[in-house]
Amino acid sequence: MKTPKQKAAELIDKFTYWNTSEAEREGIKSALHCVDEIIQSTYWQYLIEGINYWQEVRNEIDKINNL
């Protein structure tokens, strides 16, 4: 399994189609939306590790967004 930082970078790359700062911002927004959907659809009482992982991925995306 990839680290949260690796997964965050991978998701941003998947949603960034051009090499511009605006495209990266849009890729970050899309990655955040994707992770939020995963977190919301996960039954946390059964999959707390999975939720923690995706929350860490979201935190890594936020860190990248604040650079």
PDB file of N, CA and C in Angstrom:
ATOM      1  N   MET A   1       0.845  -1.174   0.000  1.00  0.00           N
ATOM      2  CA  MET A   1       0.000   0.000   0.000  1.00  0.00           C
ATOM      3  C   MET A   1       0.892   1.239   0.000  1.00  0.00           C
ATOM      4  N   LYS A   2       0.491   2.229  -0.760  1.00  0.00           N
ATOM      5  CA  LYS A   2       1.239   3.480  -0.833  1.00  0.00           C
ATOM      6  C   LYS A   2       1.031   4.291   0.438  1.00  0.00           C
ATOM      7  N   THR A   3       2.005   5.127   0.733  1.00  0.00           N
ATOM      8  CA  THR A   3       1.848   6.029   1.867  1.00  0.00           C
ATOM      9  C   THR A   3       0.791   7.070   1.506  1.00  0.00           C
ATOM     10  N   PRO A   4       0.193   7.727   2.504  1.00  0.00           N
ATOM     11  CA  PRO A   4      -0.769   8.786   2.201  1.00  0.00           C
ATOM     12  C   PRO A   4      -0.176   9.885   1.307  1.00  0.00           C
ATOM     13  N   LYS A   5       1.085  10.237   1.541  1.00  0.00           N
ATOM     14  CA  LYS A   5       1.721  11.273   0.720  1.00  0.00           C
ATOM     15  C   LYS A   5       1.839  10.823  -0.732  1.00  0.00           C
ATOM     16  N   GLN A   6       2.245   9.546  -0.943  1.00  0.00           N
ATOM     17  CA  GLN A   6       2.352   9.009  -2.298  1.00  0.00           C
ATOM     18  C   GLN A   6       0.983   8.978  -2.978  1.00  0.00           C
ATOM     19  N   LYS A   7      -0.059   8.541  -2.250  1.00  0.00           N
ATOM     20  CA  LYS A   7      -1.394   8.457  -2.826  1.00  0.00           C
ATOM     21  C   LYS A   7      -1.922   9.849  -3.161  1.00  0.00           C
ATOM     22  N   ALA A   8      -1.653  10.822  -2.283  1.00  0.00           N
ATOM     23  CA  ALA A   8      -2.087  12.199  -2.542  1.00  0.00           C
ATOM     24  C   ALA A   8      -1.477  12.716  -3.842  1.00  0.00           C
ATOM     25  N   ALA A   9      -0.179  12.523  -3.999  1.00  0.00           N
ATOM     26  CA  ALA A   9       0.496  12.961  -5.227  1.00  0.00           C
ATOM     27  C   ALA A   9      -0.044  12.234  -6.447  1.00  0.00           C
ATOM     28  N   GLU A  10      -0.292  10.928  -6.319  1.00  0.00           N
ATOM     29  CA  GLU A  10      -0.836  10.146  -7.428  1.00  0.00           C
ATOM     30  C   GLU A  10      -2.208  10.662  -7.856  1.00  0.00           C
ATOM     31  N   LEU A  11      -3.084  10.921  -6.880  1.00  0.00           N
ATOM     32  CA  LEU A  11      -4.421  11.420  -7.209  1.00  0.00           C
ATOM     33  C   LEU A  11      -4.354  12.789  -7.876  1.00  0.00           C
ATOM     34  N   ILE A  12      -3.528  13.668  -7.349  1.00  0.00           N
ATOM     35  CA  ILE A  12      -3.402  14.990  -7.961  1.00  0.00           C
ATOM     36  C   ILE A  12      -2.913  14.851  -9.393  1.00  0.00           C
ATOM     37  N   ASP A  13      -1.906  13.998  -9.611  1.00  0.00           N
ATOM     38  CA  ASP A  13      -1.398  13.779 -10.972  1.00  0.00           C
ATOM     39  C   ASP A  13      -2.488  13.247 -11.899  1.00  0.00           C
ATOM     40  N   LYS A  14      -3.329  12.356 -11.409  1.00  0.00           N
ATOM     41  CA  LYS A  14      -4.389  11.783 -12.240  1.00  0.00           C
ATOM     42  C   LYS A  14      -5.419  12.826 -12.653  1.00  0.00           C
ATOM     43  N   PHE A  15      -5.627  13.835 -11.809  1.00  0.00           N
ATOM     44  CA  PHE A  15      -6.632  14.851 -12.101  1.00  0.00           C
ATOM     45  C   PHE A  15      -6.039  16.125 -12.704  1.00  0.00           C
ATOM     46  N   THR A  16      -4.733  16.169 -12.906  1.00  0.00           N
ATOM     47  CA  THR A  16      -4.087  17.339 -13.498  1.00  0.00           C
ATOM     48  C   THR A  16      -3.720  16.999 -14.935  1.00  0.00           C
ATOM     49  N   TYR A  17      -4.401  17.647 -15.871  1.00  0.00           N
ATOM     50  CA  TYR A  17      -4.249  17.272 -17.272  1.00  0.00           C
ATOM     51  C   TYR A  17      -3.225  18.120 -18.027  1.00  0.00           C
ATOM     52  N   TRP A  18      -2.907  19.311 -17.543  1.00  0.00           N
ATOM     53  CA  TRP A  18      -1.929  20.177 -18.178  1.00  0.00           C
ATOM     54  C   TRP A  18      -0.931  20.623 -17.133  1.00  0.00           C
ATOM     55  N   ASN A  19       0.214  21.050 -17.581  1.00  0.00           N
ATOM     56  CA  ASN A  19       1.285  21.455 -16.673  1.00  0.00           C
ATOM     57  C   ASN A  19       1.220  22.962 -16.417  1.00  0.00           C
ATOM     58  N   THR A  20       0.121  23.398 -15.797  1.00  0.00           N
ATOM     59  CA  THR A  20      -0.030  24.805 -15.427  1.00  0.00           C
ATOM     60  C   THR A  20      -0.469  24.871 -13.971  1.00  0.00           C
ATOM     61  N   SER A  21      -0.258  26.028 -13.354  1.00  0.00           N
ATOM     62  CA  SER A  21      -0.655  26.170 -11.949  1.00  0.00           C
ATOM     63  C   SER A  21      -2.172  26.088 -11.798  1.00  0.00           C
ATOM     64  N   GLU A  22      -2.912  26.624 -12.760  1.00  0.00           N
ATOM     65  CA  GLU A  22      -4.378  26.537 -12.688  1.00  0.00           C
ATOM     66  C   GLU A  22      -4.848  25.087 -12.825  1.00  0.00           C
ATOM     67  N   ALA A  23      -4.224  24.351 -13.716  1.00  0.00           N
ATOM     68  CA  ALA A  23      -4.588  22.938 -13.879  1.00  0.00           C
ATOM     69  C   ALA A  23      -4.266  22.158 -12.609  1.00  0.00           C
ATOM     70  N   GLU A  24      -3.155  22.482 -11.959  1.00  0.00           N
ATOM     71  CA  GLU A  24      -2.821  21.791 -10.715  1.00  0.00           C
ATOM     72  C   GLU A  24      -3.840  22.125  -9.624  1.00  0.00           C
ATOM     73  N   ARG A  25      -4.266  23.379  -9.537  1.00  0.00           N
ATOM     74  CA  ARG A  25      -5.302  23.749  -8.560  1.00  0.00           C
ATOM     75  C   ARG A  25      -6.583  22.972  -8.818  1.00  0.00           C
ATOM     76  N   GLU A  26      -6.966  22.842 -10.069  1.00  0.00           N
ATOM     77  CA  GLU A  26      -8.158  22.067 -10.414  1.00  0.00           C
ATOM     78  C   GLU A  26      -7.950  20.586 -10.106  1.00  0.00           C
ATOM     79  N   GLY A  27      -6.751  20.069 -10.342  1.00  0.00           N
ATOM     80  CA  GLY A  27      -6.444  18.689 -10.001  1.00  0.00           C
ATOM     81  C   GLY A  27      -6.533  18.452  -8.505  1.00  0.00           C
ATOM     82  N   ILE A  28      -6.066  19.412  -7.720  1.00  0.00           N
ATOM     83  CA  ILE A  28      -6.151  19.314  -6.262  1.00  0.00           C
ATOM     84  C   ILE A  28      -7.606  19.320  -5.823  1.00  0.00           C
ATOM     85  N   LYS A  29      -8.402  20.220  -6.384  1.00  0.00           N
ATOM     86  CA  LYS A  29      -9.830  20.271  -6.032  1.00  0.00           C
ATOM     87  C   LYS A  29     -10.520  18.958  -6.374  1.00  0.00           C
ATOM     88  N   SER A  30     -10.203  18.401  -7.520  1.00  0.00           N
ATOM     89  CA  SER A  30     -10.811  17.127  -7.929  1.00  0.00           C
ATOM     90  C   SER A  30     -10.368  15.987  -7.024  1.00  0.00           C
ATOM     91  N   ALA A  31      -9.085  15.972  -6.675  1.00  0.00           N
ATOM     92  CA  ALA A  31      -8.579  14.924  -5.781  1.00  0.00           C
ATOM     93  C   ALA A  31      -9.243  15.029  -4.409  1.00  0.00           C
ATOM     94  N   LEU A  32      -9.397  16.238  -3.894  1.00  0.00           N
ATOM     95  CA  LEU A  32     -10.067  16.436  -2.604  1.00  0.00           C
ATOM     96  C   LEU A  32     -11.510  15.949  -2.669  1.00  0.00           C
ATOM     97  N   HIS A  33     -12.197  16.264  -3.758  1.00  0.00           N
ATOM     98  CA  HIS A  33     -13.583  15.812  -3.924  1.00  0.00           C
ATOM     99  C   HIS A  33     -13.644  14.287  -3.943  1.00  0.00           C
ATOM    100  N   CYS A  34     -12.737  13.664  -4.657  1.00  0.00           N
ATOM    101  CA  CYS A  34     -12.684  12.203  -4.736  1.00  0.00           C
ATOM    102  C   CYS A  34     -12.483  11.598  -3.348  1.00  0.00           C
ATOM    103  N   VAL A  35     -11.514  12.116  -2.604  1.00  0.00           N
ATOM    104  CA  VAL A  35     -11.228  11.587  -1.267  1.00  0.00           C
ATOM    105  C   VAL A  35     -12.405  11.829  -0.328  1.00  0.00           C
ATOM    106  N   ASP A  36     -13.029  13.004  -0.412  1.00  0.00           N
ATOM    107  CA  ASP A  36     -14.199  13.276   0.423  1.00  0.00           C
ATOM    108  C   ASP A  36     -15.317  12.276   0.144  1.00  0.00           C
ATOM    109  N   GLU A  37     -15.518  11.939  -1.123  1.00  0.00           N
ATOM    110  CA  GLU A  37     -16.542  10.955  -1.485  1.00  0.00           C
ATOM    111  C   GLU A  37     -16.212   9.582  -0.887  1.00  0.00           C
ATOM    112  N   ILE A  38     -14.946   9.206  -0.956  1.00  0.00           N
ATOM    113  CA  ILE A  38     -14.537   7.916  -0.392  1.00  0.00           C
ATOM    114  C   ILE A  38     -14.764   7.908   1.110  1.00  0.00           C
ATOM    115  N   ILE A  39     -14.349   8.982   1.787  1.00  0.00           N
ATOM    116  CA  ILE A  39     -14.525   9.060   3.238  1.00  0.00           C
ATOM    117  C   ILE A  39     -15.998   8.990   3.604  1.00  0.00           C
ATOM    118  N   GLN A  40     -16.837   9.728   2.889  1.00  0.00           N
ATOM    119  CA  GLN A  40     -18.259   9.767   3.200  1.00  0.00           C
ATOM    120  C   GLN A  40     -18.945   8.430   2.931  1.00  0.00           C
ATOM    121  N   SER A  41     -18.451   7.678   1.987  1.00  0.00           N
ATOM    122  CA  SER A  41     -19.117   6.420   1.632  1.00  0.00           C
ATOM    123  C   SER A  41     -18.584   5.218   2.408  1.00  0.00           C
ATOM    124  N   THR A  42     -17.589   5.434   3.223  1.00  0.00           N
ATOM    125  CA  THR A  42     -16.977   4.344   3.985  1.00  0.00           C
ATOM    126  C   THR A  42     -17.655   4.218   5.342  1.00  0.00           C
ATOM    127  N   TYR A  43     -18.000   3.017   5.737  1.00  0.00           N
ATOM    128  CA  TYR A  43     -18.592   2.781   7.047  1.00  0.00           C
ATOM    129  C   TYR A  43     -17.468   2.782   8.072  1.00  0.00           C
ATOM    130  N   TRP A  44     -17.287   3.918   8.742  1.00  0.00           N
ATOM    131  CA  TRP A  44     -16.144   4.077   9.624  1.00  0.00           C
ATOM    132  C   TRP A  44     -16.133   3.094  10.776  1.00  0.00           C
ATOM    133  N   GLN A  45     -17.264   2.677  11.279  1.00  0.00           N
ATOM    134  CA  GLN A  45     -17.255   1.742  12.404  1.00  0.00           C
ATOM    135  C   GLN A  45     -16.635   0.399  12.034  1.00  0.00           C
ATOM    136  N   TYR A  46     -16.612   0.053  10.738  1.00  0.00           N
ATOM    137  CA  TYR A  46     -16.050  -1.213  10.282  1.00  0.00           C
ATOM    138  C   TYR A  46     -14.679  -1.046   9.633  1.00  0.00           C
ATOM    139  N   LEU A  47     -14.427   0.133   9.123  1.00  0.00           N
ATOM    140  CA  LEU A  47     -13.204   0.333   8.339  1.00  0.00           C
ATOM    141  C   LEU A  47     -12.417   1.551   8.811  1.00  0.00           C
ATOM    142  N   ILE A  48     -12.225   1.700  10.105  1.00  0.00           N
ATOM    143  CA  ILE A  48     -11.573   2.881  10.656  1.00  0.00           C
ATOM    144  C   ILE A  48     -10.166   3.068  10.088  1.00  0.00           C
ATOM    145  N   GLU A  49      -9.448   1.986   9.841  1.00  0.00           N
ATOM    146  CA  GLU A  49      -8.117   2.121   9.251  1.00  0.00           C
ATOM    147  C   GLU A  49      -8.189   2.740   7.864  1.00  0.00           C
ATOM    148  N   GLY A  50      -9.172   2.301   7.078  1.00  0.00           N
ATOM    149  CA  GLY A  50      -9.330   2.865   5.744  1.00  0.00           C
ATOM    150  C   GLY A  50      -9.654   4.345   5.783  1.00  0.00           C
ATOM    151  N   ILE A  51     -10.507   4.739   6.692  1.00  0.00           N
ATOM    152  CA  ILE A  51     -10.864   6.149   6.817  1.00  0.00           C
ATOM    153  C   ILE A  51      -9.651   6.958   7.253  1.00  0.00           C
ATOM    154  N   ASN A  52      -8.893   6.438   8.220  1.00  0.00           N
ATOM    155  CA  ASN A  52      -7.698   7.152   8.662  1.00  0.00           C
ATOM    156  C   ASN A  52      -6.720   7.332   7.511  1.00  0.00           C
ATOM    157  N   TYR A  53      -6.555   6.297   6.701  1.00  0.00           N
ATOM    158  CA  TYR A  53      -5.669   6.378   5.533  1.00  0.00           C
ATOM    159  C   TYR A  53      -6.118   7.491   4.591  1.00  0.00           C
ATOM    160  N   TRP A  54      -7.405   7.489   4.253  1.00  0.00           N
ATOM    161  CA  TRP A  54      -7.893   8.490   3.312  1.00  0.00           C
ATOM    162  C   TRP A  54      -7.871   9.891   3.914  1.00  0.00           C
ATOM    163  N   GLN A  55      -8.032  10.010   5.229  1.00  0.00           N
ATOM    164  CA  GLN A  55      -7.918  11.316   5.862  1.00  0.00           C
ATOM    165  C   GLN A  55      -6.478  11.817   5.772  1.00  0.00           C
ATOM    166  N   GLU A  56      -5.526  10.911   5.929  1.00  0.00           N
ATOM    167  CA  GLU A  56      -4.128  11.298   5.783  1.00  0.00           C
ATOM    168  C   GLU A  56      -3.816  11.687   4.335  1.00  0.00           C
ATOM    169  N   VAL A  57      -4.403  10.972   3.378  1.00  0.00           N
ATOM    170  CA  VAL A  57      -4.241  11.348   1.965  1.00  0.00           C
ATOM    171  C   VAL A  57      -4.783  12.755   1.751  1.00  0.00           C
ATOM    172  N   ARG A  58      -5.957  13.036   2.315  1.00  0.00           N
ATOM    173  CA  ARG A  58      -6.552  14.368   2.187  1.00  0.00           C
ATOM    174  C   ARG A  58      -5.639  15.423   2.818  1.00  0.00           C
ATOM    175  N   ASN A  59      -5.067  15.122   3.973  1.00  0.00           N
ATOM    176  CA  ASN A  59      -4.155  16.052   4.633  1.00  0.00           C
ATOM    177  C   ASN A  59      -2.925  16.331   3.771  1.00  0.00           C
ATOM    178  N   GLU A  60      -2.415  15.292   3.106  1.00  0.00           N
ATOM    179  CA  GLU A  60      -1.264  15.485   2.226  1.00  0.00           C
ATOM    180  C   GLU A  60      -1.629  16.366   1.032  1.00  0.00           C
ATOM    181  N   ILE A  61      -2.838  16.192   0.496  1.00  0.00           N
ATOM    182  CA  ILE A  61      -3.286  17.049  -0.611  1.00  0.00           C
ATOM    183  C   ILE A  61      -3.388  18.487  -0.119  1.00  0.00           C
ATOM    184  N   ASP A  62      -3.931  18.687   1.070  1.00  0.00           N
ATOM    185  CA  ASP A  62      -4.018  20.032   1.640  1.00  0.00           C
ATOM    186  C   ASP A  62      -2.626  20.650   1.789  1.00  0.00           C
ATOM    187  N   LYS A  63      -1.636  19.875   2.238  1.00  0.00           N
ATOM    188  CA  LYS A  63      -0.267  20.385   2.375  1.00  0.00           C
ATOM    189  C   LYS A  63       0.272  20.834   1.020  1.00  0.00           C
ATOM    190  N   ILE A  64       0.056  20.014  -0.004  1.00  0.00           N
ATOM    191  CA  ILE A  64       0.514  20.361  -1.349  1.00  0.00           C
ATOM    192  C   ILE A  64      -0.190  21.617  -1.827  1.00  0.00           C
ATOM    193  N   ASN A  65      -1.463  21.737  -1.536  1.00  0.00           N
ATOM    194  CA  ASN A  65      -2.261  22.892  -1.954  1.00  0.00           C
ATOM    195  C   ASN A  65      -1.760  24.163  -1.280  1.00  0.00           C
ATOM    196  N   ASN A  66      -1.190  24.079  -0.094  1.00  0.00           N
ATOM    197  CA  ASN A  66      -0.742  25.259   0.648  1.00  0.00           C
ATOM    198  C   ASN A  66       0.692  25.653   0.337  1.00  0.00           C
ATOM    199  N   LEU A  67       1.355  24.953  -0.588  1.00  0.00           N
ATOM    200  CA  LEU A  67       2.730  25.303  -0.955  1.00  0.00           C
ATOM    201  C   LEU A  67       2.776  26.577  -1.737  1.00  0.00           C
TER     202      LEU A  67
END
